C-alpha atoms as a PDB file:
ATOM      1  CA  MET A   1      15.707  -4.302   1.199  1.00  0.00           C
ATOM      2  CA  VAL A   2      17.769  -2.023   2.286  1.00  0.00           C
ATOM      3  CA  THR A   3      17.165   1.358   3.576  1.00  0.00           C
ATOM      4  CA  PHE A   4      18.616   4.360   5.422  1.00  0.00           C
ATOM      5  CA  LEU A   5      16.630   4.408   8.280  1.00  0.00           C
ATOM      6  CA  GLY A   6      17.399   1.123   9.020  1.00  0.00           C
ATOM      7  CA  ASP A   7      14.384  -0.581  11.251  1.00  0.00           C
ATOM      8  CA  MET A   8      11.554   1.212  11.916  1.00  0.00           C
ATOM      9  CA  VAL A   9       9.493  -1.275  13.387  1.00  0.00           C
ATOM     10  CA  THR A  10       9.910  -0.021  16.902  1.00  0.00           C
ATOM     11  CA  ALA A  11       9.241   3.765  16.289  1.00  0.00           C
ATOM     12  CA  HIS A  12       5.919   2.147  14.202  1.00  0.00           C
ATOM     13  CA  ARG A  13       4.945   0.234  17.136  1.00  0.00           C
ATOM     14  CA  ALA A  14       5.246   3.183  19.507  1.00  0.00           C
ATOM     15  CA  ALA A  15       3.392   5.804  17.498  1.00  0.00           C
ATOM     16  CA  ALA A  16       0.508   3.639  16.854  1.00  0.00           C
ATOM     17  CA  ARG A  17       0.607   2.643  20.649  1.00  0.00           C
ATOM     18  CA  ILE A  18       0.430   6.922  21.047  1.00  0.00           C
ATOM     19  CA  ALA A  19      -2.322   7.121  18.802  1.00  0.00           C
ATOM     20  CA  LEU A  20      -3.979   4.102  19.954  1.00  0.00           C
ATOM     21  CA  GLU A  21      -4.251   5.468  23.553  1.00  0.00           C
ATOM     22  CA  ALA A  22      -5.887   8.766  22.354  1.00  0.00           C
ATOM     23  CA  ALA A  23      -8.306   7.184  20.281  1.00  0.00           C
ATOM     24  CA  ARG A  24      -9.408   5.225  22.650  1.00  0.00           C
ATOM     25  CA  ALA A  25      -9.929   8.405  24.919  1.00  0.00           C
ATOM     26  CA  ARG A  26     -12.489   9.394  22.387  1.00  0.00           C
ATOM     27  CA  THR A  27     -14.186   6.125  21.615  1.00  0.00           C
ATOM     28  CA  PRO A  28     -17.602   6.354  22.749  1.00  0.00           C
ATOM     29  CA  VAL A  29     -18.628   4.014  25.496  1.00  0.00           C
ATOM     30  CA  ALA A  30     -21.980   2.206  25.898  1.00  0.00           C
ATOM     31  CA  THR A  31     -20.095  -1.063  27.588  1.00  0.00           C
ATOM     32  CA  GLY A  32     -16.856  -0.569  26.806  1.00  0.00           C
ATOM     33  CA  LYS A  33     -16.229  -3.424  24.161  1.00  0.00           C
ATOM     34  CA  LEU A  34     -15.567  -1.064  21.050  1.00  0.00           C
ATOM     35  CA  ARG A  35     -12.900   0.837  23.583  1.00  0.00           C
ATOM     36  CA  ALA A  36     -11.248  -2.659  24.631  1.00  0.00           C
ATOM     37  CA  SER A  37     -11.032  -4.217  20.916  1.00  0.00           C
ATOM     38  CA  GLY A  38      -8.779  -1.557  20.060  1.00  0.00           C
ATOM     39  CA  THR A  39      -5.397  -3.315  18.876  1.00  0.00           C
ATOM     40  CA  THR A  40      -1.679  -2.166  17.068  1.00  0.00           C
ATOM     41  CA  GLU A  41       0.036  -3.446  13.937  1.00  0.00           C
ATOM     42  CA  ALA A  42       3.791  -2.689  12.552  1.00  0.00           C
ATOM     43  CA  THR A  43       5.689  -3.607   9.885  1.00  0.00           C
ATOM     44  CA  GLY A  44       8.995  -1.767   8.931  1.00  0.00           C
ATOM     45  CA  LEU A  45       6.584   0.192   6.635  1.00  0.00           C
ATOM     46  CA  ALA A  46       3.864   1.164   9.117  1.00  0.00           C
ATOM     47  CA  GLY A  47       2.275   1.180  12.151  1.00  0.00           C
ATOM     48  CA  ARG A  48      -1.721   1.069  12.291  1.00  0.00           C
ATOM     49  CA  ILE A  49      -4.571   1.177  14.933  1.00  0.00           C
ATOM     50  CA  ILE A  50      -7.278  -1.403  14.456  1.00  0.00           C
ATOM     51  CA  PHE A  51     -10.549  -1.685  16.119  1.00  0.00           C
ATOM     52  CA  THR A  52     -11.754  -5.350  15.960  1.00  0.00           C
ATOM     53  CA  ALA A  53     -15.439  -4.800  17.294  1.00  0.00           C
ATOM     54  CA  PRO A  54     -17.930  -5.654  14.106  1.00  0.00           C
ATOM     55  CA  TYR A  55     -19.327  -2.386  14.645  1.00  0.00           C
ATOM     56  CA  ALA A  56     -15.887  -0.383  14.741  1.00  0.00           C
ATOM     57  CA  GLY A  57     -16.522   0.725  11.184  1.00  0.00           C
ATOM     58  CA  PRO A  58     -20.502   2.108  11.286  1.00  0.00           C
ATOM     59  CA  VAL A  59     -19.608   4.077  14.719  1.00  0.00           C
ATOM     60  CA  HIS A  60     -16.766   5.531  13.078  1.00  0.00           C
ATOM     61  CA  TRP A  61     -17.310   6.558  10.255  1.00  0.00           C
ATOM     62  CA  GLY A  62     -21.644   6.829  10.563  1.00  0.00           C
ATOM     63  CA  VAL A  63     -24.499   5.084   8.488  1.00  0.00           C
ATOM     64  CA  PRO A  64     -26.602   7.593   7.507  1.00  0.00           C
ATOM     65  CA  SER A  65     -29.247   5.427   6.447  1.00  0.00           C
ATOM     66  CA  LYS A  66     -29.682   4.514  10.078  1.00  0.00           C
ATOM     67  CA  ASN A  67     -29.139   7.923  11.114  1.00  0.00           C
ATOM     68  CA  ILE A  68     -25.855   7.266  12.928  1.00  0.00           C
ATOM     69  CA  PRO A  69     -23.631  10.176  12.748  1.00  0.00           C
ATOM     70  CA  PRO A  70     -19.792   9.371  12.399  1.00  0.00           C
ATOM     71  CA  SER A  71     -17.976   9.968  15.667  1.00  0.00           C
ATOM     72  CA  LEU A  72     -14.110   9.973  13.897  1.00  0.00           C
ATOM     73  CA  PHE A  73     -12.925   8.566  17.236  1.00  0.00           C
ATOM     74  CA  ALA A  74      -9.817   6.865  15.481  1.00  0.00           C
ATOM     75  CA  ILE A  75      -8.611   9.833  13.168  1.00  0.00           C
ATOM     76  CA  ARG A  76      -9.159  12.502  15.641  1.00  0.00           C
ATOM     77  CA  GLY A  77      -7.221  10.410  18.299  1.00  0.00           C
ATOM     78  CA  ALA A  78      -4.198  10.368  15.740  1.00  0.00           C
ATOM     79  CA  GLU A  79      -4.806  13.874  15.214  1.00  0.00           C
ATOM     80  CA  ALA A  80      -4.550  14.875  19.026  1.00  0.00           C
ATOM     81  CA  SER A  81      -1.459  13.155  20.022  1.00  0.00           C
ATOM     82  CA  GLN A  82       0.375  14.098  16.470  1.00  0.00           C
ATOM     83  CA  ARG A  83       2.835  16.242  18.292  1.00  0.00           C
ATOM     84  CA  GLN A  84       3.655  12.858  20.307  1.00  0.00           C
ATOM     85  CA  TRP A  85       3.777  10.388  17.806  1.00  0.00           C
ATOM     86  CA  LEU A  86       5.695  12.885  15.338  1.00  0.00           C
ATOM     87  CA  ASP A  87       9.041  13.168  18.299  1.00  0.00           C
ATOM     88  CA  VAL A  88       8.772   9.494  18.228  1.00  0.00           C
ATOM     89  CA  TYR A  89       9.580   9.730  14.458  1.00  0.00           C
ATOM     90  CA  GLN A  90      11.838  12.063  14.997  1.00  0.00           C
ATOM     91  CA  ASP A  91      13.913  10.452  17.839  1.00  0.00           C
ATOM     92  CA  ALA A  92      13.951   7.170  15.892  1.00  0.00           C
ATOM     93  CA  ILE A  93      15.616   9.727  12.747  1.00  0.00           C
ATOM     94  CA  GLN A  94      18.146  11.369  14.857  1.00  0.00           C
ATOM     95  CA  THR A  95      19.596   7.815  16.138  1.00  0.00           C
ATOM     96  CA  GLU A  96      19.855   6.473  12.442  1.00  0.00           C
ATOM     97  CA  LEU A  97      21.196   9.822  11.501  1.00  0.00           C
ATOM     98  CA  ASN A  98      23.645   9.450  14.724  1.00  0.00           C
ATOM     99  CA  LYS A  99      24.703   6.263  13.209  1.00  0.00           C
ATOM    100  CA  ILE A 100      26.231   8.304   9.962  1.00  0.00           C
ATOM    101  CA  GLU A 101      29.995   8.768  10.170  1.00  0.00           C
ATOM    102  CA  GLY A 102      30.635  12.736   9.764  1.00  0.00           C
ATOM    103  CA  ALA A 103      26.709  13.721   9.824  1.00  0.00           C
END
């Protein structure tokens, strides 16, 4: 598959790392295992942040039946760091545009 943007894996990886650090800063800490379980993945199509601790989902989304409110730490981290990771994408796109003769 050929795209006009070229290889965006590097930009997706950098953006995901920025969002991950902001999410980690908002992660509830009892033992630190949830915070430490955060990692990133990147492909040509997207970057992702992932928390692999088995209780990451319930802590993030909450469990009403257990009276556990949602913390939304990953979403809030991504939102709070949005300006930073948007700058990564803007730079990557500008770099690709600069490769186009006459642009």
